[in-house]
Amino acid sequence: MDTSGENSESPSGSLEKKALRAALIEQRLNLPDRLQRAASLQQVMRIWLVGRADTVIGAYWPIKGEFDPLPALHRWKEDGELLDGPKLRRIALPVMDKVHKTLVFHAWHPGCPMEEDGFGIPKPKDTEVVVPTLLFVPCVGYSAGGFRLGYGGGFYDRTLATLQPRPVTVGLGYAQGFLDDFEPEPHDVPLDAILNDNGAVWPV
């Protein structure tokens, strides 16, 4: 995982990653078959979740052409209600703590009140704070070994350093974002798993 953001990188490394992020986001936005890829990844997610014991899963609101994990998670929640009866499965979205530059997860469901955060990203408004045991993380890019290229802000990494117990981390991205020659920083911590539109790519 991209653990510290741009501030911890050398000036040259920071510029290289900034250019790489921009190129990957542009590619993702212009994928001619993004809808088909998204449908495939929805199916991959649903299959991957079968049999997991998690009842609270954190995700994200998609921006900049990111894969949207919420439809698959809504189906996971509905499936749980059919299988487990009153046992409640919950979906959570991040709300940014501007002071500590970390994320707090609030319960989300379709139609719940939303408002924009400081970056203009929708977040749940006044819903309950929950602690996910599984966290789906968006990937701008990713590489063998479970390493993620994020946006460089370090929000997820500071958050994961404080969450106890630490949730299982699963990266989501399209096959287009795979990086053959990505060199992780010494402090980077790998994701526990990565899924793309072709299936599970980490662990292999």
Protein backbone atom coordinates (compact mmCIF):
# COMPACT_ATOMS: atom_id res chain seq x y z
CA MET A 1 0.00 0.00 0.00
CA ASP A 2 1.17 3.53 -0.75
CA THR A 3 1.72 4.34 2.90
CA SER A 4 2.85 7.89 3.36
CA GLY A 5 1.84 10.02 0.41
CA GLU A 6 4.00 12.30 -1.67
CA ASN A 7 5.56 14.12 1.25
CA SER A 8 7.75 11.14 2.15
CA GLU A 9 9.12 10.65 -1.36
CA SER A 10 12.21 12.19 -2.86
CA PRO A 11 11.45 15.18 -5.13
CA SER A 12 12.21 13.12 -8.24
CA GLY A 13 10.18 10.16 -6.97
CA SER A 14 7.27 12.44 -6.13
CA LEU A 15 7.24 13.92 -9.64
CA GLU A 16 7.46 10.48 -11.26
CA LYS A 17 4.55 9.14 -9.21
CA LYS A 18 2.51 12.29 -9.88
CA ALA A 19 2.98 11.82 -13.63
CA LEU A 20 2.20 8.11 -13.37
CA ARG A 21 -1.00 8.79 -11.41
CA ALA A 22 -2.14 11.36 -13.96
CA ALA A 23 -1.47 8.99 -16.88
CA LEU A 24 -3.28 6.07 -15.24
CA ILE A 25 -6.32 8.17 -14.33
CA GLU A 26 -6.52 9.51 -17.89
CA GLN A 27 -6.31 5.97 -19.27
CA ARG A 28 -9.02 4.79 -16.89
CA LEU A 29 -11.37 7.63 -17.79
CA ASN A 30 -10.96 6.82 -21.48
CA LEU A 31 -11.33 3.03 -21.35
CA PRO A 32 -13.73 2.23 -24.21
CA ASP A 33 -15.00 -0.89 -22.41
CA ARG A 34 -15.10 0.45 -18.85
CA LEU A 35 -18.76 -0.52 -18.37
CA GLN A 36 -18.05 -4.11 -19.38
CA ARG A 37 -14.98 -4.20 -17.14
CA ALA A 38 -17.06 -2.83 -14.27
CA ALA A 39 -19.70 -5.53 -14.75
CA SER A 40 -16.97 -8.20 -14.68
CA LEU A 41 -15.43 -6.79 -11.51
CA GLN A 42 -18.86 -6.64 -9.83
CA GLN A 43 -19.14 -10.38 -10.44
CA VAL A 44 -15.58 -11.02 -9.21
CA MET A 45 -16.35 -9.11 -6.01
CA ARG A 46 -19.58 -10.99 -5.35
CA ILE A 47 -17.90 -14.37 -5.79
CA TRP A 48 -14.90 -13.34 -3.66
CA LEU A 49 -17.21 -12.30 -0.80
CA VAL A 50 -19.06 -15.63 -0.65
CA GLY A 51 -18.35 -17.39 2.62
CA ARG A 52 -16.64 -14.47 4.36
CA ALA A 53 -17.74 -13.88 7.94
CA ASP A 54 -17.47 -10.06 7.82
CA THR A 55 -20.57 -8.12 8.84
CA VAL A 56 -19.18 -4.58 8.39
CA ILE A 57 -17.36 -3.77 5.15
CA GLY A 58 -15.84 -0.41 4.32
CA ALA A 59 -15.66 0.86 0.76
CA TYR A 60 -15.49 4.22 -1.06
CA TRP A 61 -17.52 6.55 -3.24
CA PRO A 62 -16.05 6.27 -6.78
CA ILE A 63 -14.35 9.28 -8.39
CA LYS A 64 -12.26 9.84 -11.53
CA GLY A 65 -13.48 6.74 -13.33
CA GLU A 66 -12.91 4.41 -10.37
CA PHE A 67 -14.75 1.13 -10.16
CA ASP A 68 -17.95 1.46 -8.12
CA PRO A 69 -18.02 -1.25 -5.41
CA LEU A 70 -21.39 -0.23 -3.94
CA PRO A 71 -23.77 -2.27 -6.15
CA ALA A 72 -21.92 -5.52 -5.32
CA LEU A 73 -21.88 -4.61 -1.63
CA HIS A 74 -25.59 -3.80 -1.66
CA ARG A 75 -26.23 -7.27 -3.10
CA TRP A 76 -23.95 -8.73 -0.39
CA LYS A 77 -26.02 -6.91 2.25
CA GLU A 78 -29.31 -8.15 0.77
CA ASP A 79 -27.97 -11.71 0.49
CA GLY A 80 -27.04 -11.58 4.17
CA GLU A 81 -30.54 -10.56 5.13
CA LEU A 82 -31.93 -13.53 3.21
CA LEU A 83 -29.40 -15.98 4.66
CA ASP A 84 -28.98 -14.73 8.21
CA GLY A 85 -32.35 -13.19 8.99
CA PRO A 86 -31.98 -10.50 11.63
CA LYS A 87 -28.18 -10.62 11.59
CA LEU A 88 -27.31 -7.29 9.98
CA ARG A 89 -24.62 -6.72 7.39
CA ARG A 90 -23.45 -3.12 7.11
CA ILE A 91 -21.66 -1.04 4.49
CA ALA A 92 -19.48 1.90 5.50
CA LEU A 93 -18.05 4.87 3.61
CA PRO A 94 -15.13 7.05 4.71
CA VAL A 95 -15.54 10.51 6.24
CA MET A 96 -12.36 12.57 6.38
CA ASP A 97 -11.03 13.94 9.66
CA LYS A 98 -9.34 17.15 8.47
CA VAL A 99 -7.44 17.66 11.72
CA HIS A 100 -5.75 14.26 11.86
CA LYS A 101 -5.95 13.54 8.11
CA THR A 102 -7.44 10.15 8.77
CA LEU A 103 -10.72 8.48 7.81
CA VAL A 104 -13.66 7.54 10.01
CA PHE A 105 -16.20 5.12 8.59
CA HIS A 106 -19.92 5.88 8.72
CA ALA A 107 -22.75 3.50 7.91
CA TRP A 108 -24.17 3.88 4.39
CA HIS A 109 -27.20 2.50 2.62
CA PRO A 110 -28.89 3.51 -0.65
CA GLY A 111 -30.91 6.66 -0.08
CA CYS A 112 -29.24 7.65 3.19
CA PRO A 113 -28.56 11.39 3.71
CA MET A 114 -25.34 12.50 1.98
CA GLU A 115 -23.21 15.64 1.90
CA GLU A 116 -19.93 16.61 0.21
CA ASP A 117 -16.62 16.53 2.04
CA GLY A 118 -13.80 19.04 1.57
CA PHE A 119 -12.83 17.41 -1.71
CA GLY A 120 -16.37 17.42 -3.10
CA ILE A 121 -16.81 13.67 -2.56
CA PRO A 122 -20.20 12.52 -1.19
CA LYS A 123 -20.16 11.13 2.34
CA PRO A 124 -22.87 9.86 4.71
CA LYS A 125 -24.39 12.62 6.84
CA ASP A 126 -24.90 11.97 10.55
CA THR A 127 -25.02 8.19 10.29
CA GLU A 128 -23.50 5.85 12.87
CA VAL A 129 -19.72 5.41 13.11
CA VAL A 130 -18.76 1.78 12.49
CA VAL A 131 -15.48 -0.16 12.32
CA PRO A 132 -15.05 -2.36 9.23
CA THR A 133 -13.28 -5.71 9.43
CA LEU A 134 -12.81 -5.67 5.65
CA LEU A 135 -11.88 -2.59 3.66
CA PHE A 136 -12.09 -2.24 -0.12
CA VAL A 137 -9.57 0.35 -1.32
CA PRO A 138 -9.45 2.04 -4.75
CA CYS A 139 -6.26 1.59 -6.74
CA VAL A 140 -4.95 4.10 -9.27
CA GLY A 141 -2.35 1.45 -10.04
CA TYR A 142 -1.10 -1.75 -8.43
CA SER A 143 1.69 -4.28 -8.81
CA ALA A 144 2.76 -7.81 -7.99
CA GLY A 145 3.08 -8.38 -4.27
CA GLY A 146 -0.05 -6.43 -3.41
CA PHE A 147 1.44 -2.95 -3.66
CA ARG A 148 -0.91 -0.05 -4.42
CA LEU A 149 -0.42 3.32 -6.05
CA GLY A 150 -2.96 5.70 -4.50
CA TYR A 151 -3.54 9.41 -4.87
CA GLY A 152 -0.60 10.32 -2.66
CA GLY A 153 -2.49 11.76 0.30
CA GLY A 154 -1.76 8.91 2.72
CA PHE A 155 -5.27 8.97 4.24
CA TYR A 156 -5.80 5.21 4.13
CA ASP A 157 -2.40 4.48 5.54
CA ARG A 158 -2.69 6.79 8.52
CA THR A 159 -6.16 5.35 9.13
CA LEU A 160 -4.98 1.74 8.99
CA ALA A 161 -2.22 2.55 11.47
CA THR A 162 -4.90 3.49 14.03
CA LEU A 163 -7.67 0.92 13.41
CA GLN A 164 -7.69 -1.97 15.88
CA PRO A 165 -8.02 -4.68 14.88
CA ARG A 166 -6.59 -3.83 11.49
CA PRO A 167 -9.11 -4.69 8.75
CA VAL A 168 -8.34 -6.95 5.83
CA THR A 169 -7.43 -4.65 2.93
CA VAL A 170 -8.53 -5.45 -0.61
CA GLY A 171 -7.57 -3.31 -3.59
CA LEU A 172 -9.97 -2.83 -6.49
CA GLY A 173 -8.97 -1.72 -9.97
CA TYR A 174 -9.17 -2.54 -13.63
CA ALA A 175 -6.58 -4.70 -15.40
CA GLN A 176 -5.43 -1.50 -17.13
CA GLY A 177 -3.93 -0.33 -13.81
CA PHE A 178 -1.46 -3.20 -13.41
CA LEU A 179 2.15 -1.96 -13.29
CA ASP A 180 4.87 -4.38 -14.37
CA ASP A 181 7.81 -2.34 -13.14
CA PHE A 182 6.41 -0.49 -10.12
CA GLU A 183 9.02 -0.15 -7.37
CA PRO A 184 7.45 0.11 -3.90
CA GLU A 185 9.04 2.38 -1.31
CA PRO A 186 10.74 0.63 1.63
CA HIS A 187 7.92 1.75 3.95
CA ASP A 188 5.07 0.56 1.68
CA VAL A 189 2.82 -2.10 3.23
CA PRO A 190 1.14 -4.49 0.77
CA LEU A 191 -2.60 -5.00 0.52
CA ASP A 192 -3.94 -8.35 1.67
CA ALA A 193 -5.61 -8.95 -1.71
CA ILE A 194 -6.25 -7.25 -5.06
CA LEU A 195 -9.18 -7.90 -7.40
CA ASN A 196 -9.55 -6.73 -10.97
CA ASP A 197 -11.95 -7.41 -13.80
CA ASN A 198 -10.15 -10.67 -14.62
CA GLY A 199 -10.35 -12.07 -11.08
CA ALA A 200 -8.14 -12.17 -8.00
CA VAL A 201 -4.64 -10.98 -8.93
CA TRP A 202 -3.18 -11.04 -5.40
CA PRO A 203 -2.43 -13.30 -3.73
CA VAL A 204 -1.71 -15.48 -6.75
